[in-house]
Structures are given as structure tokens and as C-alpha cells.
Amino acid sequence: MSRTPRIQIDQRVKRIVKSLNTFPGIYTFSSCGGHAKQTCTSQVPKNEFNVNFSVDPARGGWRSLELIVYALGESPECQNLKVEAWPNGTPGCLSFELRGIQNADPDELANLFDSLRGRYDDPDEEFE
């Protein structure tokens, strides 16, 4: 009998992790909601958050990534939000980090993702 490990997600980023995982081809694999005292290198200061994810192009991931980046630009907190890519060790494969700084609100960003998700269904719709 195999058991699925239980993964603990910081309360502050639970909604945004859930929201990101509803996009086709987007798979989160780590996150941090911020900590007053960082006890390991994967933790960020308490006024920041991050969510790391991978993109599966074969399952619509690039279109999802396009919508995620578009949403960051539409956010009133856009100057405090970014997505960065890095090679994950496999040639041709990238991982991504969504990061919020200076008290950016991950719940507000999740709300924006949820409100814009309908655009995913129409691949011909231009983001304006």
C-alpha cells in the first residue's frame, strides 16, 4: 500500500497555489508565504511570498503562462510581482517562480487569476 505524502502549504499562499493549479499545464511544486524568521534557504521574509511551478506545453501550459504573466501586469500591485524562469537541470526544461514583494497580496492575485481564467477558453482572444 502506498501513501501519498501530505504537503504542508503556508496559509498565506494556499489560495494562490490552488488557483495556479487550476490552469491547464501548470503544476506547482513549492511555495512560501513568508516567515518572520527564516530557518532554511527556501523561506522568504514575511512581507514576501513565492510559488514555484513547472509548465507542460503539451497540456496548454504556455497559454496558461501567458495568462498568468498578463494578470501580473493588470494587477494594481504589478510593481511588486514578477515571474522568473530558470533551467531546472534538464536541457530544454524550465521552472518558474511567481514572487510577490513589499506585502503584495497573494489572495488578490488569486482573485485576478480566477476572474481572467475565462479568457483561457478562447485562444483567439487578444489580451488588451
N, C-alpha and C. Protein backbone atom coordinates (compact mmCIF):
# COMPACT_ATOMS: atom_id res chain seq x y z
N MET A 1 0.84 -1.16 0.00
CA MET A 1 0.00 0.00 0.00
C MET A 1 0.89 1.24 0.00
N SER A 2 0.64 2.16 -0.94
CA SER A 2 1.44 3.39 -0.97
C SER A 2 0.64 4.54 -0.38
N ARG A 3 1.35 5.43 0.23
CA ARG A 3 0.71 6.60 0.81
C ARG A 3 1.19 7.83 0.07
N THR A 4 0.27 8.73 -0.21
CA THR A 4 0.64 10.00 -0.81
C THR A 4 1.12 10.91 0.30
N PRO A 5 2.32 11.48 0.15
CA PRO A 5 2.81 12.34 1.23
C PRO A 5 1.93 13.59 1.35
N ARG A 6 1.74 14.01 2.55
CA ARG A 6 0.98 15.22 2.81
C ARG A 6 1.95 16.40 2.72
N ILE A 7 1.59 17.36 1.91
CA ILE A 7 2.45 18.52 1.73
C ILE A 7 1.82 19.70 2.44
N GLN A 8 2.60 20.32 3.30
CA GLN A 8 2.11 21.47 4.04
C GLN A 8 2.34 22.73 3.22
N ILE A 9 1.30 23.54 3.07
CA ILE A 9 1.37 24.79 2.34
C ILE A 9 1.08 25.92 3.32
N ASP A 10 1.93 26.95 3.34
CA ASP A 10 1.70 28.08 4.22
C ASP A 10 0.32 28.67 3.95
N GLN A 11 -0.41 28.99 5.02
CA GLN A 11 -1.78 29.50 4.91
C GLN A 11 -1.86 30.70 3.97
N ARG A 12 -0.89 31.58 4.02
CA ARG A 12 -0.94 32.81 3.22
C ARG A 12 -0.98 32.55 1.72
N VAL A 13 -0.43 31.43 1.26
CA VAL A 13 -0.37 31.18 -0.19
C VAL A 13 -1.27 30.02 -0.65
N LYS A 14 -2.09 29.49 0.24
CA LYS A 14 -2.94 28.35 -0.15
C LYS A 14 -3.85 28.69 -1.32
N ARG A 15 -4.49 29.86 -1.30
CA ARG A 15 -5.42 30.21 -2.38
C ARG A 15 -4.72 30.37 -3.70
N ILE A 16 -3.56 31.01 -3.71
CA ILE A 16 -2.88 31.23 -4.99
C ILE A 16 -2.31 29.92 -5.53
N VAL A 17 -1.85 29.05 -4.66
CA VAL A 17 -1.38 27.73 -5.10
C VAL A 17 -2.54 26.97 -5.74
N LYS A 18 -3.69 26.98 -5.09
CA LYS A 18 -4.86 26.30 -5.63
C LYS A 18 -5.26 26.91 -6.97
N SER A 19 -5.27 28.24 -7.05
CA SER A 19 -5.64 28.92 -8.29
C SER A 19 -4.69 28.57 -9.42
N LEU A 20 -3.38 28.61 -9.16
CA LEU A 20 -2.41 28.28 -10.20
C LEU A 20 -2.58 26.85 -10.70
N ASN A 21 -2.87 25.93 -9.80
CA ASN A 21 -3.02 24.53 -10.19
C ASN A 21 -4.28 24.25 -10.99
N THR A 22 -5.18 25.22 -11.10
CA THR A 22 -6.36 25.02 -11.94
C THR A 22 -6.10 25.41 -13.39
N PHE A 23 -4.98 26.08 -13.67
CA PHE A 23 -4.63 26.41 -15.05
C PHE A 23 -4.13 25.15 -15.75
N PRO A 24 -4.58 24.88 -16.95
CA PRO A 24 -4.08 23.72 -17.69
C PRO A 24 -2.57 23.79 -17.88
N GLY A 25 -1.89 22.69 -17.59
CA GLY A 25 -0.46 22.58 -17.82
C GLY A 25 0.42 23.28 -16.80
N ILE A 26 -0.15 23.78 -15.69
CA ILE A 26 0.62 24.44 -14.63
C ILE A 26 0.62 23.52 -13.41
N TYR A 27 1.81 23.25 -12.89
CA TYR A 27 1.96 22.34 -11.75
C TYR A 27 2.89 22.97 -10.72
N THR A 28 2.34 23.37 -9.58
CA THR A 28 3.17 23.95 -8.53
C THR A 28 3.94 22.84 -7.81
N PHE A 29 5.14 23.19 -7.35
CA PHE A 29 5.91 22.18 -6.62
C PHE A 29 6.53 22.69 -5.33
N SER A 30 6.54 23.99 -5.09
CA SER A 30 6.98 24.52 -3.80
C SER A 30 6.45 25.94 -3.66
N SER A 31 6.37 26.38 -2.40
CA SER A 31 5.87 27.72 -2.14
C SER A 31 6.29 28.15 -0.75
N CYS A 32 6.18 29.46 -0.51
CA CYS A 32 6.44 30.01 0.81
C CYS A 32 5.59 31.26 0.97
N GLY A 33 4.92 31.37 2.10
CA GLY A 33 4.08 32.52 2.38
C GLY A 33 4.79 33.62 3.13
N GLY A 34 6.07 33.42 3.43
CA GLY A 34 6.85 34.41 4.17
C GLY A 34 6.94 34.06 5.65
N HIS A 35 8.09 34.33 6.23
CA HIS A 35 8.35 33.99 7.64
C HIS A 35 9.12 35.12 8.31
N ALA A 36 8.73 35.44 9.53
CA ALA A 36 9.42 36.48 10.30
C ALA A 36 10.89 36.09 10.51
N LYS A 37 11.12 34.81 10.73
CA LYS A 37 12.49 34.31 10.91
C LYS A 37 12.69 33.15 9.95
N GLN A 38 13.57 33.33 8.97
CA GLN A 38 13.82 32.26 8.01
C GLN A 38 14.75 31.22 8.64
N THR A 39 14.30 29.97 8.64
CA THR A 39 15.09 28.89 9.23
C THR A 39 15.72 27.98 8.18
N CYS A 40 15.40 28.24 6.89
CA CYS A 40 16.05 27.50 5.81
C CYS A 40 16.07 28.37 4.56
N THR A 41 16.86 27.99 3.58
CA THR A 41 17.07 28.83 2.40
C THR A 41 15.84 28.95 1.51
N SER A 42 14.88 28.06 1.65
CA SER A 42 13.69 28.12 0.80
C SER A 42 12.63 29.09 1.34
N GLN A 43 12.86 29.63 2.53
CA GLN A 43 11.90 30.56 3.11
C GLN A 43 12.22 32.00 2.72
N VAL A 44 11.17 32.81 2.55
CA VAL A 44 11.32 34.22 2.20
C VAL A 44 10.86 35.07 3.38
N PRO A 45 11.26 36.35 3.42
CA PRO A 45 10.83 37.23 4.52
C PRO A 45 9.30 37.35 4.59
N LYS A 46 8.80 37.76 5.75
CA LYS A 46 7.36 37.73 5.99
C LYS A 46 6.56 38.66 5.09
N ASN A 47 7.17 39.67 4.49
CA ASN A 47 6.42 40.57 3.60
C ASN A 47 6.51 40.13 2.13
N GLU A 48 6.96 38.89 1.91
CA GLU A 48 7.09 38.35 0.55
C GLU A 48 6.37 37.00 0.47
N PHE A 49 6.19 36.52 -0.75
CA PHE A 49 5.72 35.15 -0.97
C PHE A 49 6.29 34.66 -2.29
N ASN A 50 6.32 33.35 -2.47
CA ASN A 50 6.68 32.79 -3.77
C ASN A 50 5.96 31.47 -3.99
N VAL A 51 5.78 31.15 -5.26
CA VAL A 51 5.24 29.86 -5.67
C VAL A 51 6.04 29.42 -6.88
N ASN A 52 6.63 28.24 -6.80
CA ASN A 52 7.41 27.68 -7.90
C ASN A 52 6.54 26.67 -8.65
N PHE A 53 6.67 26.69 -9.98
CA PHE A 53 5.83 25.81 -10.78
C PHE A 53 6.54 25.41 -12.07
N SER A 54 6.03 24.34 -12.66
CA SER A 54 6.50 23.90 -13.97
C SER A 54 5.36 24.06 -14.96
N VAL A 55 5.71 24.06 -16.23
CA VAL A 55 4.75 24.26 -17.32
C VAL A 55 4.85 23.09 -18.27
N ASP A 56 3.72 22.49 -18.59
CA ASP A 56 3.67 21.40 -19.56
C ASP A 56 3.06 21.95 -20.85
N PRO A 57 3.90 22.25 -21.86
CA PRO A 57 3.38 22.82 -23.10
C PRO A 57 2.36 21.92 -23.80
N ALA A 58 2.50 20.61 -23.65
CA ALA A 58 1.59 19.68 -24.32
C ALA A 58 0.19 19.71 -23.71
N ARG A 59 0.05 20.27 -22.54
CA ARG A 59 -1.26 20.32 -21.87
C ARG A 59 -1.78 21.76 -21.74
N GLY A 60 -1.33 22.65 -22.61
CA GLY A 60 -1.82 24.03 -22.61
C GLY A 60 -1.06 24.96 -21.69
N GLY A 61 0.09 24.52 -21.20
CA GLY A 61 0.83 25.30 -20.23
C GLY A 61 1.32 26.65 -20.71
N TRP A 62 1.73 26.75 -21.99
CA TRP A 62 2.24 28.05 -22.47
C TRP A 62 1.13 29.07 -22.51
N ARG A 63 -0.07 28.67 -22.93
CA ARG A 63 -1.21 29.59 -22.92
C ARG A 63 -1.52 30.01 -21.48
N SER A 64 -1.46 29.08 -20.55
CA SER A 64 -1.68 29.41 -19.14
C SER A 64 -0.62 30.38 -18.63
N LEU A 65 0.64 30.13 -18.97
CA LEU A 65 1.71 31.02 -18.54
C LEU A 65 1.49 32.43 -19.11
N GLU A 66 1.05 32.50 -20.35
CA GLU A 66 0.76 33.80 -20.96
C GLU A 66 -0.30 34.55 -20.15
N LEU A 67 -1.35 33.86 -19.74
CA LEU A 67 -2.41 34.48 -18.97
C LEU A 67 -1.92 34.89 -17.58
N ILE A 68 -1.09 34.06 -16.95
CA ILE A 68 -0.54 34.38 -15.63
C ILE A 68 0.29 35.66 -15.70
N VAL A 69 1.17 35.75 -16.69
CA VAL A 69 2.02 36.95 -16.83
C VAL A 69 1.17 38.17 -17.17
N TYR A 70 0.16 37.99 -18.00
CA TYR A 70 -0.74 39.09 -18.33
C TYR A 70 -1.42 39.60 -17.05
N ALA A 71 -1.89 38.70 -16.20
CA ALA A 71 -2.56 39.08 -14.96
C ALA A 71 -1.64 39.89 -14.06
N LEU A 72 -0.36 39.55 -14.00
CA LEU A 72 0.58 40.32 -13.18
C LEU A 72 0.60 41.77 -13.63
N GLY A 73 0.63 41.98 -14.94
CA GLY A 73 0.65 43.33 -15.48
C GLY A 73 -0.63 44.10 -15.22
N GLU A 74 -1.75 43.40 -15.07
CA GLU A 74 -3.04 44.03 -14.80
C GLU A 74 -3.25 44.32 -13.32
N SER A 75 -2.44 43.74 -12.48
CA SER A 75 -2.61 43.90 -11.04
C SER A 75 -2.22 45.31 -10.60
N PRO A 76 -2.99 45.90 -9.67
CA PRO A 76 -2.58 47.20 -9.11
C PRO A 76 -1.22 47.12 -8.41
N GLU A 77 -0.81 45.91 -8.04
CA GLU A 77 0.47 45.71 -7.36
C GLU A 77 1.56 45.24 -8.33
N CYS A 78 1.39 45.51 -9.63
CA CYS A 78 2.29 44.93 -10.63
C CYS A 78 3.77 45.21 -10.35
N GLN A 79 4.09 46.34 -9.77
CA GLN A 79 5.50 46.64 -9.49
C GLN A 79 6.08 45.73 -8.41
N ASN A 80 5.22 45.02 -7.68
CA ASN A 80 5.68 44.13 -6.61
C ASN A 80 5.52 42.65 -6.95
N LEU A 81 5.25 42.36 -8.22
CA LEU A 81 5.03 40.98 -8.66
C LEU A 81 5.90 40.66 -9.86
N LYS A 82 6.40 39.43 -9.93
CA LYS A 82 7.16 39.03 -11.11
C LYS A 82 7.15 37.51 -11.25
N VAL A 83 7.41 37.08 -12.48
CA VAL A 83 7.63 35.66 -12.77
C VAL A 83 9.01 35.56 -13.40
N GLU A 84 9.82 34.68 -12.87
CA GLU A 84 11.16 34.43 -13.42
C GLU A 84 11.28 32.96 -13.78
N ALA A 85 12.06 32.71 -14.82
CA ALA A 85 12.33 31.34 -15.26
C ALA A 85 13.76 30.97 -14.94
N TRP A 86 14.00 29.69 -14.72
CA TRP A 86 15.35 29.18 -14.56
C TRP A 86 15.42 27.77 -15.10
N PRO A 87 16.59 27.36 -15.62
CA PRO A 87 16.73 25.98 -16.10
C PRO A 87 16.71 25.03 -14.90
N ASN A 88 15.94 23.97 -15.01
CA ASN A 88 15.83 23.07 -13.85
C ASN A 88 16.80 21.89 -13.90
N GLY A 89 17.78 21.96 -14.75
CA GLY A 89 18.78 20.90 -14.80
C GLY A 89 18.64 19.97 -15.98
N THR A 90 17.49 19.98 -16.62
CA THR A 90 17.26 19.15 -17.80
C THR A 90 17.29 20.06 -19.02
N PRO A 91 18.15 19.78 -20.01
CA PRO A 91 18.20 20.65 -21.19
C PRO A 91 16.82 20.84 -21.81
N GLY A 92 16.50 22.10 -22.08
CA GLY A 92 15.21 22.42 -22.69
C GLY A 92 14.05 22.53 -21.72
N CYS A 93 14.30 22.33 -20.44
CA CYS A 93 13.22 22.39 -19.45
C CYS A 93 13.43 23.58 -18.52
N LEU A 94 12.35 24.30 -18.26
CA LEU A 94 12.40 25.45 -17.38
C LEU A 94 11.46 25.26 -16.21
N SER A 95 11.80 25.88 -15.09
CA SER A 95 10.88 26.03 -13.96
C SER A 95 10.66 27.52 -13.79
N PHE A 96 9.61 27.88 -13.07
CA PHE A 96 9.23 29.27 -12.92
C PHE A 96 8.95 29.59 -11.46
N GLU A 97 9.20 30.85 -11.09
CA GLU A 97 8.86 31.32 -9.77
C GLU A 97 8.00 32.56 -9.89
N LEU A 98 6.84 32.53 -9.26
CA LEU A 98 5.99 33.70 -9.10
C LEU A 98 6.35 34.28 -7.74
N ARG A 99 6.72 35.56 -7.72
CA ARG A 99 7.17 36.17 -6.48
C ARG A 99 6.44 37.47 -6.23
N GLY A 100 6.04 37.67 -4.98
CA GLY A 100 5.46 38.92 -4.53
C GLY A 100 6.34 39.51 -3.45
N ILE A 101 6.57 40.82 -3.52
CA ILE A 101 7.39 41.50 -2.51
C ILE A 101 6.60 42.68 -1.93
N GLN A 102 7.15 43.32 -0.93
CA GLN A 102 6.58 44.52 -0.31
C GLN A 102 5.10 44.36 0.00
N ASN A 103 4.77 43.28 0.68
CA ASN A 103 3.41 42.99 1.13
C ASN A 103 2.39 42.80 0.02
N ALA A 104 2.83 42.39 -1.17
CA ALA A 104 1.88 42.05 -2.23
C ALA A 104 0.93 40.99 -1.69
N ASP A 105 -0.33 41.07 -2.07
CA ASP A 105 -1.36 40.20 -1.53
C ASP A 105 -1.62 39.01 -2.46
N PRO A 106 -1.21 37.80 -2.06
CA PRO A 106 -1.42 36.63 -2.92
C PRO A 106 -2.91 36.31 -3.13
N ASP A 107 -3.77 36.65 -2.17
CA ASP A 107 -5.21 36.40 -2.36
C ASP A 107 -5.79 37.31 -3.43
N GLU A 108 -5.36 38.56 -3.46
CA GLU A 108 -5.83 39.48 -4.50
C GLU A 108 -5.39 39.00 -5.88
N LEU A 109 -4.17 38.49 -5.96
CA LEU A 109 -3.68 37.96 -7.23
C LEU A 109 -4.47 36.71 -7.63
N ALA A 110 -4.79 35.86 -6.66
CA ALA A 110 -5.61 34.68 -6.95
C ALA A 110 -6.99 35.11 -7.46
N ASN A 111 -7.56 36.16 -6.88
CA ASN A 111 -8.85 36.68 -7.37
C ASN A 111 -8.73 37.12 -8.82
N LEU A 112 -7.65 37.81 -9.14
CA LEU A 112 -7.43 38.27 -10.51
C LEU A 112 -7.27 37.08 -11.46
N PHE A 113 -6.48 36.08 -11.06
CA PHE A 113 -6.34 34.87 -11.87
C PHE A 113 -7.71 34.26 -12.14
N ASP A 114 -8.50 34.14 -11.08
CA ASP A 114 -9.81 33.50 -11.22
C ASP A 114 -10.72 34.29 -12.15
N SER A 115 -10.66 35.62 -12.08
CA SER A 115 -11.53 36.44 -12.93
C SER A 115 -11.09 36.42 -14.40
N LEU A 116 -9.81 36.21 -14.65
CA LEU A 116 -9.30 36.21 -16.02
C LEU A 116 -9.26 34.83 -16.65
N ARG A 117 -9.46 33.78 -15.85
CA ARG A 117 -9.32 32.42 -16.35
C ARG A 117 -10.24 32.12 -17.52
N GLY A 118 -11.40 32.75 -17.59
CA GLY A 118 -12.33 32.52 -18.69
C GLY A 118 -11.71 32.82 -20.04
N ARG A 119 -10.73 33.70 -20.07
CA ARG A 119 -10.06 34.01 -21.34
C ARG A 119 -9.26 32.83 -21.86
N TYR A 120 -8.94 31.90 -20.99
CA TYR A 120 -8.18 30.73 -21.43
C TYR A 120 -8.97 29.93 -22.46
N ASP A 121 -10.27 29.91 -22.28
CA ASP A 121 -11.13 29.09 -23.13
C ASP A 121 -11.18 29.57 -24.57
N ASP A 122 -10.79 30.82 -24.83
CA ASP A 122 -10.82 31.38 -26.18
C ASP A 122 -9.39 31.72 -26.60
N PRO A 123 -8.67 30.78 -27.22
CA PRO A 123 -7.27 31.02 -27.57
C PRO A 123 -7.08 32.14 -28.59
N ASP A 124 -8.14 32.55 -29.27
CA ASP A 124 -8.03 33.63 -30.25
C ASP A 124 -8.22 35.00 -29.62
N GLU A 125 -8.67 35.03 -28.36
CA GLU A 125 -8.88 36.31 -27.70
C GLU A 125 -7.55 36.99 -27.41
N GLU A 126 -7.46 38.23 -27.80
CA GLU A 126 -6.27 39.03 -27.51
C GLU A 126 -6.38 39.58 -26.10
N PHE A 127 -5.27 39.65 -25.40
CA PHE A 127 -5.25 40.27 -24.06
C PHE A 127 -4.98 41.75 -24.28
N GLU A 128 -5.93 42.58 -23.90
CA GLU A 128 -5.77 44.02 -24.07
C GLU A 128 -5.99 44.72 -22.77
